[in-house]
Amino acid sequence: MSRRQIRDRLKVSNNDILNRLLEGEPPPEWTKRPNAKDDLRARAREMRLQGVTYDRIQLELGCSKSSISLWVRDLPKPDRPPRTREEASAIAKRGWEATLRQREIERQRTKLAAAREVGELTDRELFLVGVGLYWSEGAKSKPHNPTERATFINSDPDMIQLYLAWLSLLGVEPERLRYRVMIHESAQVADAERYWAEAIGADVTALERTTLKKHNPKTVRKNVGEGYRGCLVVRVLKSADLYRRIEGWWYGIVVGARSTI
C-alpha cells in the first residue's frame, strides 16, 4: 500500500504520526518502478554540480524551472563566473543611468518648490527685477561710446519675455519697440526668425532685417546644433530718457542694498 492508502485506512491526518508509524518500513517494490523523469533529475543534478544555471539546464533538458528547482535546490549554488569587461561596463552604465534619473527627479523637485516660493509678483517686485535684469544684460553707455539707448540682447526667451513685461509696466508703448534676430550665418536663419517671432507673439514680418555673424573657422563655437536660435535684440525708440532713469534706478538699488550691510 502507498502512504496515502495507509493514511486513509488508518485515518491518520498527521504526517508526523504517520512517519513514526512507518519508521523502518521499506517502501513497497511497486513504488520503485522506473520514472521517466528520473534520468532528467539525475542529469539536472549533474549539470548543477558542474555550475550550470537554471536557464541552461532548462534549455538543454526541456523541463520547467519549477521541476529543476525541486531536483537541485538542496545542492550548493555554483560560484558566479567572473563578469566580462562588457558585462561589467553594462552594469555600471545601468547603475549610473539610474543615479542620473534620480538626480534629475530631485533637481526638478527642488526647482518646482523654489518656483512656488515666489508666487505672484507685485508691480514693485517686477520693477526692481527688471532694473537689475537690464543693468546686467542690457546695453550701457561707456566713456568710449556714450550712446544712451535702451537696447536689450539675449538668447533666453524667458529673459526676453520678462524684459517685455517690465517695459509694459513702465508704460513703454509696443509701437516704440523694434526686434531683430542676431545669429551666425551658418545657422538655420529662417527657423530662428520664426522661433523668436513666436516667443514675442508677433509675426515674422514684424522683425527687422536679421544680423548675420560671419563664420570664423578659427573660433570653436559651442552654440551650435538644432537648439541654436541666436539672440533677439530689443530696441526702444527715443529711449535716452528711459536709459537715464534705468541708470538712476540701478544706483538707487545699490545705495539701498549698501545700507543693509
C-alpha atoms as a PDB file:
ATOM      1  CA  MET A   1       0.000   0.000   0.000  1.00  0.00           C
ATOM      2  CA  SER A   2       1.077   3.562  -0.569  1.00  0.00           C
ATOM      3  CA  ARG A   3       1.443   6.142   2.193  1.00  0.00           C
ATOM      4  CA  ARG A   4      -1.803   7.749   1.081  1.00  0.00           C
ATOM      5  CA  GLN A   5      -3.656   4.452   1.224  1.00  0.00           C
ATOM      6  CA  ILE A   6      -2.234   3.683   4.686  1.00  0.00           C
ATOM      7  CA  ARG A   7      -3.141   7.152   5.933  1.00  0.00           C
ATOM      8  CA  ASP A   8      -6.701   6.832   4.625  1.00  0.00           C
ATOM      9  CA  ARG A   9      -7.099   3.297   6.005  1.00  0.00           C
ATOM     10  CA  LEU A  10      -5.836   4.258   9.482  1.00  0.00           C
ATOM     11  CA  LYS A  11      -7.494   7.671   9.358  1.00  0.00           C
ATOM     12  CA  VAL A  12      -4.244   9.383  10.364  1.00  0.00           C
ATOM     13  CA  SER A  13      -4.165  13.018   9.258  1.00  0.00           C
ATOM     14  CA  ASN A  14      -0.915  13.973  10.995  1.00  0.00           C
ATOM     15  CA  ASN A  15       2.154  13.297   8.842  1.00  0.00           C
ATOM     16  CA  ASP A  16       4.484  13.196  11.860  1.00  0.00           C
ATOM     17  CA  ILE A  17       2.446  10.383  13.407  1.00  0.00           C
ATOM     18  CA  LEU A  18       2.353   8.568  10.065  1.00  0.00           C
ATOM     19  CA  ASN A  19       6.134   8.896   9.716  1.00  0.00           C
ATOM     20  CA  ARG A  20       6.671   7.372  13.168  1.00  0.00           C
ATOM     21  CA  LEU A  21       4.304   4.502  12.356  1.00  0.00           C
ATOM     22  CA  LEU A  22       6.144   3.729   9.116  1.00  0.00           C
ATOM     23  CA  GLU A  23       9.628   4.255  10.524  1.00  0.00           C
ATOM     24  CA  GLY A  24      11.885   1.382   9.444  1.00  0.00           C
ATOM     25  CA  GLU A  25       9.361   0.003   6.962  1.00  0.00           C
ATOM     26  CA  PRO A  26      10.805  -0.302   3.430  1.00  0.00           C
ATOM     27  CA  PRO A  27       8.710   1.178   0.611  1.00  0.00           C
ATOM     28  CA  PRO A  28       6.819  -1.363  -1.494  1.00  0.00           C
ATOM     29  CA  GLU A  29       8.516  -2.545  -4.646  1.00  0.00           C
ATOM     30  CA  TRP A  30       5.900  -1.078  -6.934  1.00  0.00           C
ATOM     31  CA  THR A  31       6.850   2.411  -5.816  1.00  0.00           C
ATOM     32  CA  LYS A  32      10.380   1.815  -7.100  1.00  0.00           C
ATOM     33  CA  ARG A  33       9.352   1.402 -10.726  1.00  0.00           C
ATOM     34  CA  PRO A  34      11.351   3.497 -13.183  1.00  0.00           C
ATOM     35  CA  ASN A  35      10.133   7.049 -13.707  1.00  0.00           C
ATOM     36  CA  ALA A  36      10.597   8.906 -16.984  1.00  0.00           C
ATOM     37  CA  LYS A  37      11.867  11.942 -15.074  1.00  0.00           C
ATOM     38  CA  ASP A  38      14.431  10.067 -13.044  1.00  0.00           C
ATOM     39  CA  ASP A  39      17.017  10.377 -15.790  1.00  0.00           C
ATOM     40  CA  LEU A  40      16.224  14.080 -16.227  1.00  0.00           C
ATOM     41  CA  ARG A  41      16.549  14.626 -12.498  1.00  0.00           C
ATOM     42  CA  ALA A  42      19.906  12.865 -12.396  1.00  0.00           C
ATOM     43  CA  ARG A  43      21.142  14.810 -15.396  1.00  0.00           C
ATOM     44  CA  ALA A  44      19.901  18.103 -13.915  1.00  0.00           C
ATOM     45  CA  ARG A  45      21.725  17.439 -10.651  1.00  0.00           C
ATOM     46  CA  GLU A  46      24.879  16.527 -12.509  1.00  0.00           C
ATOM     47  CA  MET A  47      24.740  19.731 -14.545  1.00  0.00           C
ATOM     48  CA  ARG A  48      24.038  21.829 -11.474  1.00  0.00           C
ATOM     49  CA  LEU A  49      27.064  20.387  -9.716  1.00  0.00           C
ATOM     50  CA  GLN A  50      29.066  21.479 -12.738  1.00  0.00           C
ATOM     51  CA  GLY A  51      27.895  25.064 -12.199  1.00  0.00           C
ATOM     52  CA  VAL A  52      25.264  25.192 -14.944  1.00  0.00           C
ATOM     53  CA  THR A  53      22.487  27.783 -14.489  1.00  0.00           C
ATOM     54  CA  TYR A  54      18.758  27.036 -14.316  1.00  0.00           C
ATOM     55  CA  ASP A  55      18.249  28.662 -17.720  1.00  0.00           C
ATOM     56  CA  ARG A  56      20.881  26.480 -19.355  1.00  0.00           C
ATOM     57  CA  ILE A  57      19.526  23.308 -17.706  1.00  0.00           C
ATOM     58  CA  GLN A  58      16.017  24.191 -18.870  1.00  0.00           C
ATOM     59  CA  LEU A  59      17.280  24.826 -22.382  1.00  0.00           C
ATOM     60  CA  GLU A  60      19.143  21.533 -22.650  1.00  0.00           C
ATOM     61  CA  LEU A  61      16.695  19.246 -20.842  1.00  0.00           C
ATOM     62  CA  GLY A  62      13.423  20.887 -21.846  1.00  0.00           C
ATOM     63  CA  CYS A  63      11.894  20.778 -18.367  1.00  0.00           C
ATOM     64  CA  SER A  64      10.338  23.531 -16.277  1.00  0.00           C
ATOM     65  CA  LYS A  65      12.294  25.668 -13.839  1.00  0.00           C
ATOM     66  CA  SER A  66       9.966  24.594 -11.044  1.00  0.00           C
ATOM     67  CA  SER A  67      10.943  20.955 -11.609  1.00  0.00           C
ATOM     68  CA  ILE A  68      14.614  21.864 -11.790  1.00  0.00           C
ATOM     69  CA  SER A  69      14.295  23.737  -8.513  1.00  0.00           C
ATOM     70  CA  LEU A  70      12.750  20.707  -6.795  1.00  0.00           C
ATOM     71  CA  TRP A  71      15.510  18.475  -8.082  1.00  0.00           C
ATOM     72  CA  VAL A  72      18.568  20.593  -7.327  1.00  0.00           C
ATOM     73  CA  ARG A  73      17.676  23.102  -4.624  1.00  0.00           C
ATOM     74  CA  ASP A  74      19.472  21.044  -1.984  1.00  0.00           C
ATOM     75  CA  LEU A  75      22.730  21.408  -3.909  1.00  0.00           C
ATOM     76  CA  PRO A  76      25.127  24.290  -3.231  1.00  0.00           C
ATOM     77  CA  LYS A  77      24.763  27.253  -5.532  1.00  0.00           C
ATOM     78  CA  PRO A  78      27.555  27.415  -8.094  1.00  0.00           C
ATOM     79  CA  ASP A  79      30.009  30.272  -7.943  1.00  0.00           C
ATOM     80  CA  ARG A  80      29.116  33.137 -10.258  1.00  0.00           C
ATOM     81  CA  PRO A  81      31.506  33.183 -13.217  1.00  0.00           C
ATOM     82  CA  PRO A  82      33.607  36.329 -13.443  1.00  0.00           C
ATOM     83  CA  ARG A  83      31.921  39.052 -15.474  1.00  0.00           C
ATOM     84  CA  THR A  84      33.393  40.103 -18.780  1.00  0.00           C
ATOM     85  CA  ARG A  85      34.507  43.689 -19.265  1.00  0.00           C
ATOM     86  CA  GLU A  86      31.439  44.321 -21.423  1.00  0.00           C
ATOM     87  CA  GLU A  87      29.074  42.923 -18.766  1.00  0.00           C
ATOM     88  CA  ALA A  88      30.703  44.970 -16.014  1.00  0.00           C
ATOM     89  CA  SER A  89      30.522  48.081 -18.186  1.00  0.00           C
ATOM     90  CA  ALA A  90      26.837  47.498 -18.955  1.00  0.00           C
ATOM     91  CA  ILE A  91      26.016  47.014 -15.259  1.00  0.00           C
ATOM     92  CA  ALA A  92      27.914  50.170 -14.326  1.00  0.00           C
ATOM     93  CA  LYS A  93      26.141  52.094 -17.082  1.00  0.00           C
ATOM     94  CA  ARG A  94      22.705  50.987 -15.878  1.00  0.00           C
ATOM     95  CA  GLY A  95      23.595  51.979 -12.331  1.00  0.00           C
ATOM     96  CA  TRP A  96      24.848  55.393 -13.413  1.00  0.00           C
ATOM     97  CA  GLU A  97      21.765  55.988 -15.566  1.00  0.00           C
ATOM     98  CA  ALA A  98      19.545  55.196 -12.580  1.00  0.00           C
ATOM     99  CA  THR A  99      21.567  57.643 -10.470  1.00  0.00           C
ATOM    100  CA  LEU A 100      21.193  60.351 -13.115  1.00  0.00           C
ATOM    101  CA  ARG A 101      17.437  59.779 -13.319  1.00  0.00           C
ATOM    102  CA  GLN A 102      17.123  60.133  -9.552  1.00  0.00           C
ATOM    103  CA  ARG A 103      19.251  63.283  -9.602  1.00  0.00           C
ATOM    104  CA  GLU A 104      17.054  64.769 -12.305  1.00  0.00           C
ATOM    105  CA  ILE A 105      13.928  63.984 -10.284  1.00  0.00           C
ATOM    106  CA  GLU A 106      15.428  65.716  -7.238  1.00  0.00           C
ATOM    107  CA  ARG A 107      16.581  68.645  -9.384  1.00  0.00           C
ATOM    108  CA  GLN A 108      13.124  69.186 -10.855  1.00  0.00           C
ATOM    109  CA  ARG A 109      11.505  68.799  -7.429  1.00  0.00           C
ATOM    110  CA  THR A 110      13.776  71.496  -5.990  1.00  0.00           C
ATOM    111  CA  LYS A 111      13.097  73.846  -8.912  1.00  0.00           C
ATOM    112  CA  LEU A 112       9.338  73.383  -8.600  1.00  0.00           C
ATOM    113  CA  ALA A 113       9.399  74.046  -4.859  1.00  0.00           C
ATOM    114  CA  ALA A 114      11.521  77.163  -5.389  1.00  0.00           C
ATOM    115  CA  ALA A 115       9.196  78.456  -8.121  1.00  0.00           C
ATOM    116  CA  ARG A 116       6.220  78.082  -5.789  1.00  0.00           C
ATOM    117  CA  GLU A 117       8.024  80.131  -3.155  1.00  0.00           C
ATOM    118  CA  VAL A 118       7.966  83.171  -5.474  1.00  0.00           C
ATOM    119  CA  GLY A 119       4.219  83.272  -6.005  1.00  0.00           C
ATOM    120  CA  GLU A 120       2.580  86.334  -7.569  1.00  0.00           C
ATOM    121  CA  LEU A 121       4.849  89.283  -8.373  1.00  0.00           C
ATOM    122  CA  THR A 122       3.814  92.745  -7.253  1.00  0.00           C
ATOM    123  CA  ASP A 123       4.434  95.676  -9.580  1.00  0.00           C
ATOM    124  CA  ARG A 124       7.238  96.883  -7.331  1.00  0.00           C
ATOM    125  CA  GLU A 125       8.899  93.467  -7.353  1.00  0.00           C
ATOM    126  CA  LEU A 126       8.693  93.283 -11.148  1.00  0.00           C
ATOM    127  CA  PHE A 127      10.042  96.832 -11.354  1.00  0.00           C
ATOM    128  CA  LEU A 128      13.106  96.028  -9.243  1.00  0.00           C
ATOM    129  CA  VAL A 129      13.739  92.734 -11.029  1.00  0.00           C
ATOM    130  CA  GLY A 130      13.544  94.490 -14.393  1.00  0.00           C
ATOM    131  CA  VAL A 131      16.054  97.157 -13.385  1.00  0.00           C
ATOM    132  CA  GLY A 132      18.538  94.505 -12.264  1.00  0.00           C
ATOM    133  CA  LEU A 133      17.871  92.475 -15.402  1.00  0.00           C
ATOM    134  CA  TYR A 134      18.563  95.377 -17.712  1.00  0.00           C
ATOM    135  CA  TRP A 135      21.683  96.516 -15.877  1.00  0.00           C
ATOM    136  CA  SER A 136      23.161  93.020 -16.034  1.00  0.00           C
ATOM    137  CA  GLU A 137      22.153  92.153 -19.611  1.00  0.00           C
ATOM    138  CA  GLY A 138      21.264  95.393 -21.407  1.00  0.00           C
ATOM    139  CA  ALA A 139      23.472  97.797 -23.350  1.00  0.00           C
ATOM    140  CA  LYS A 140      25.121 100.503 -21.229  1.00  0.00           C
ATOM    141  CA  SER A 141      26.714 103.824 -22.001  1.00  0.00           C
ATOM    142  CA  LYS A 142      30.521 103.719 -21.950  1.00  0.00           C
ATOM    143  CA  PRO A 143      33.113 106.516 -21.899  1.00  0.00           C
ATOM    144  CA  HIS A 144      34.262 105.425 -25.358  1.00  0.00           C
ATOM    145  CA  ASN A 145      30.645 105.042 -26.532  1.00  0.00           C
ATOM    146  CA  PRO A 146      28.376 107.421 -24.611  1.00  0.00           C
ATOM    147  CA  THR A 147      25.224 106.443 -26.513  1.00  0.00           C
ATOM    148  CA  GLU A 148      22.170 106.417 -24.248  1.00  0.00           C
ATOM    149  CA  ARG A 149      19.688 103.928 -25.680  1.00  0.00           C
ATOM    150  CA  ALA A 150      17.692 101.109 -24.095  1.00  0.00           C
ATOM    151  CA  THR A 151      18.826  98.037 -26.019  1.00  0.00           C
ATOM    152  CA  PHE A 152      18.488  94.514 -24.659  1.00  0.00           C
ATOM    153  CA  ILE A 153      20.061  91.414 -26.224  1.00  0.00           C
ATOM    154  CA  ASN A 154      19.542  87.865 -25.002  1.00  0.00           C
ATOM    155  CA  SER A 155      19.340  84.263 -26.178  1.00  0.00           C
ATOM    156  CA  ASP A 156      16.871  83.181 -23.473  1.00  0.00           C
ATOM    157  CA  PRO A 157      13.202  83.674 -24.470  1.00  0.00           C
ATOM    158  CA  ASP A 158      12.194  83.771 -20.795  1.00  0.00           C
ATOM    159  CA  MET A 159      14.540  86.716 -20.227  1.00  0.00           C
ATOM    160  CA  ILE A 160      13.119  88.470 -23.289  1.00  0.00           C
ATOM    161  CA  GLN A 161       9.539  87.972 -22.106  1.00  0.00           C
ATOM    162  CA  LEU A 162      10.391  89.226 -18.613  1.00  0.00           C
ATOM    163  CA  TYR A 163      12.036  92.289 -20.130  1.00  0.00           C
ATOM    164  CA  LEU A 164       8.971  92.989 -22.281  1.00  0.00           C
ATOM    165  CA  ALA A 165       6.691  92.636 -19.244  1.00  0.00           C
ATOM    166  CA  TRP A 166       8.892  95.154 -17.440  1.00  0.00           C
ATOM    167  CA  LEU A 167       8.734  97.620 -20.334  1.00  0.00           C
ATOM    168  CA  SER A 168       4.957  97.278 -20.340  1.00  0.00           C
ATOM    169  CA  LEU A 169       4.915  98.055 -16.605  1.00  0.00           C
ATOM    170  CA  LEU A 170       6.940 101.203 -17.332  1.00  0.00           C
ATOM    171  CA  GLY A 171       4.363 102.297 -19.889  1.00  0.00           C
ATOM    172  CA  VAL A 172       6.540 101.812 -22.981  1.00  0.00           C
ATOM    173  CA  GLU A 173       4.183 101.563 -25.965  1.00  0.00           C
ATOM    174  CA  PRO A 174       4.557  98.496 -28.249  1.00  0.00           C
ATOM    175  CA  GLU A 175       4.909 100.870 -31.221  1.00  0.00           C
ATOM    176  CA  ARG A 176       8.266 102.031 -29.856  1.00  0.00           C
ATOM    177  CA  LEU A 177       9.748  98.516 -29.830  1.00  0.00           C
ATOM    178  CA  ARG A 178      11.926  97.087 -32.571  1.00  0.00           C
ATOM    179  CA  TYR A 179      13.056  93.463 -32.786  1.00  0.00           C
ATOM    180  CA  ARG A 180      15.977  91.951 -34.657  1.00  0.00           C
ATOM    181  CA  VAL A 181      17.491  88.476 -34.694  1.00  0.00           C
ATOM    182  CA  MET A 182      21.271  88.174 -34.424  1.00  0.00           C
ATOM    183  CA  ILE A 183      22.684  84.811 -35.460  1.00  0.00           C
ATOM    184  CA  HIS A 184      25.639  83.119 -37.161  1.00  0.00           C
ATOM    185  CA  GLU A 185      25.310  82.829 -40.920  1.00  0.00           C
ATOM    186  CA  SER A 186      25.820  79.048 -40.799  1.00  0.00           C
ATOM    187  CA  ALA A 187      22.703  78.522 -38.648  1.00  0.00           C
ATOM    188  CA  GLN A 188      19.090  77.929 -39.700  1.00  0.00           C
ATOM    189  CA  VAL A 189      18.177  81.597 -40.043  1.00  0.00           C
ATOM    190  CA  ALA A 190      14.550  81.196 -41.128  1.00  0.00           C
ATOM    191  CA  ASP A 191      13.841  78.773 -38.282  1.00  0.00           C
ATOM    192  CA  ALA A 192      15.391  81.195 -35.794  1.00  0.00           C
ATOM    193  CA  GLU A 193      13.266  84.074 -37.091  1.00  0.00           C
ATOM    194  CA  ARG A 194      10.072  82.023 -36.692  1.00  0.00           C
ATOM    195  CA  TYR A 195      11.188  80.919 -33.232  1.00  0.00           C
ATOM    196  CA  TRP A 196      11.729  84.459 -31.948  1.00  0.00           C
ATOM    197  CA  ALA A 197       8.588  85.812 -33.587  1.00  0.00           C
ATOM    198  CA  GLU A 198       6.571  83.164 -31.780  1.00  0.00           C
ATOM    199  CA  ALA A 199       8.389  83.904 -28.500  1.00  0.00           C
ATOM    200  CA  ILE A 200       7.273  87.548 -28.554  1.00  0.00           C
ATOM    201  CA  GLY A 201       3.833  86.844 -30.007  1.00  0.00           C
ATOM    202  CA  ALA A 202       4.454  88.630 -33.297  1.00  0.00           C
ATOM    203  CA  ASP A 203       4.569  87.842 -36.993  1.00  0.00           C
ATOM    204  CA  VAL A 204       7.919  87.258 -38.677  1.00  0.00           C
ATOM    205  CA  THR A 205       7.291  90.370 -40.753  1.00  0.00           C
ATOM    206  CA  ALA A 206       7.462  92.426 -37.539  1.00  0.00           C
ATOM    207  CA  LEU A 207      11.173  91.619 -37.237  1.00  0.00           C
ATOM    208  CA  GLU A 208      13.821  93.892 -38.666  1.00  0.00           C
ATOM    209  CA  ARG A 209      16.423  92.502 -41.040  1.00  0.00           C
ATOM    210  CA  THR A 210      18.433  89.769 -39.324  1.00  0.00           C
ATOM    211  CA  THR A 211      22.058  90.461 -38.454  1.00  0.00           C
ATOM    212  CA  LEU A 212      24.283  87.608 -39.642  1.00  0.00           C
ATOM    213  CA  LYS A 213      27.562  86.993 -37.880  1.00  0.00           C
ATOM    214  CA  LYS A 214      30.371  85.934 -40.210  1.00  0.00           C
ATOM    215  CA  HIS A 215      31.758  82.458 -39.678  1.00  0.00           C
ATOM    216  CA  ASN A 216      35.271  82.386 -38.226  1.00  0.00           C
ATOM    217  CA  PRO A 217      36.873  78.939 -38.750  1.00  0.00           C
ATOM    218  CA  LYS A 218      39.456  79.706 -36.057  1.00  0.00           C
ATOM    219  CA  THR A 219      36.763  80.041 -33.400  1.00  0.00           C
ATOM    220  CA  VAL A 220      35.482  76.890 -31.706  1.00  0.00           C
ATOM    221  CA  ARG A 221      31.808  77.606 -31.045  1.00  0.00           C
ATOM    222  CA  LYS A 222      29.690  75.655 -28.579  1.00  0.00           C
ATOM    223  CA  ASN A 223      26.380  77.301 -29.501  1.00  0.00           C
ATOM    224  CA  VAL A 224      25.700  75.003 -32.436  1.00  0.00           C
ATOM    225  CA  GLY A 225      23.125  72.351 -33.286  1.00  0.00           C
ATOM    226  CA  GLU A 226      19.364  72.325 -33.729  1.00  0.00           C
ATOM    227  CA  GLY A 227      18.791  74.176 -30.450  1.00  0.00           C
ATOM    228  CA  TYR A 228      20.820  77.207 -31.508  1.00  0.00           C
ATOM    229  CA  ARG A 229      18.498  80.161 -32.221  1.00  0.00           C
ATOM    230  CA  GLY A 230      20.877  83.076 -31.893  1.00  0.00           C
ATOM    231  CA  CYS A 231      19.832  86.155 -29.903  1.00  0.00           C
ATOM    232  CA  LEU A 232      16.987  88.624 -30.068  1.00  0.00           C
ATOM    233  CA  VAL A 233      17.780  92.339 -29.953  1.00  0.00           C
ATOM    234  CA  VAL A 234      15.038  94.530 -28.465  1.00  0.00           C
ATOM    235  CA  ARG A 235      15.401  98.279 -29.049  1.00  0.00           C
ATOM    236  CA  VAL A 236      13.249 101.024 -27.594  1.00  0.00           C
ATOM    237  CA  LEU A 237      12.932 104.042 -29.860  1.00  0.00           C
ATOM    238  CA  LYS A 238      13.536 107.502 -28.378  1.00  0.00           C
ATOM    239  CA  SER A 239      14.824 105.898 -25.187  1.00  0.00           C
ATOM    240  CA  ALA A 240      17.538 108.285 -23.964  1.00  0.00           C
ATOM    241  CA  ASP A 241      15.370 109.475 -21.074  1.00  0.00           C
ATOM    242  CA  LEU A 242      14.368 105.888 -20.256  1.00  0.00           C
ATOM    243  CA  TYR A 243      18.017 104.840 -20.211  1.00  0.00           C
ATOM    244  CA  ARG A 244      18.943 107.615 -17.778  1.00  0.00           C
ATOM    245  CA  ARG A 245      16.101 106.615 -15.485  1.00  0.00           C
ATOM    246  CA  ILE A 246      17.222 102.973 -15.615  1.00  0.00           C
ATOM    247  CA  GLU A 247      20.726 104.002 -14.599  1.00  0.00           C
ATOM    248  CA  GLY A 248      19.339 106.120 -11.764  1.00  0.00           C
ATOM    249  CA  TRP A 249      17.076 103.305 -10.577  1.00  0.00           C
ATOM    250  CA  TRP A 250      20.024 100.936 -10.557  1.00  0.00           C
ATOM    251  CA  TYR A 251      22.176 103.168  -8.393  1.00  0.00           C
ATOM    252  CA  GLY A 252      19.199 103.683  -6.105  1.00  0.00           C
ATOM    253  CA  ILE A 253      19.037  99.911  -5.641  1.00  0.00           C
ATOM    254  CA  VAL A 254      22.791  99.794  -4.965  1.00  0.00           C
ATOM    255  CA  VAL A 255      22.552 102.511  -2.303  1.00  0.00           C
ATOM    256  CA  GLY A 256      19.598 100.759  -0.693  1.00  0.00           C
ATOM    257  CA  ALA A 257      21.473  97.458  -0.611  1.00  0.00           C
ATOM    258  CA  ARG A 258      24.573  99.042   0.907  1.00  0.00           C
ATOM    259  CA  SER A 259      22.518 100.444   3.760  1.00  0.00           C
ATOM    260  CA  THR A 260      21.624  96.908   4.820  1.00  0.00           C
ATOM    261  CA  ILE A 261      25.233  95.769   5.147  1.00  0.00           C
END
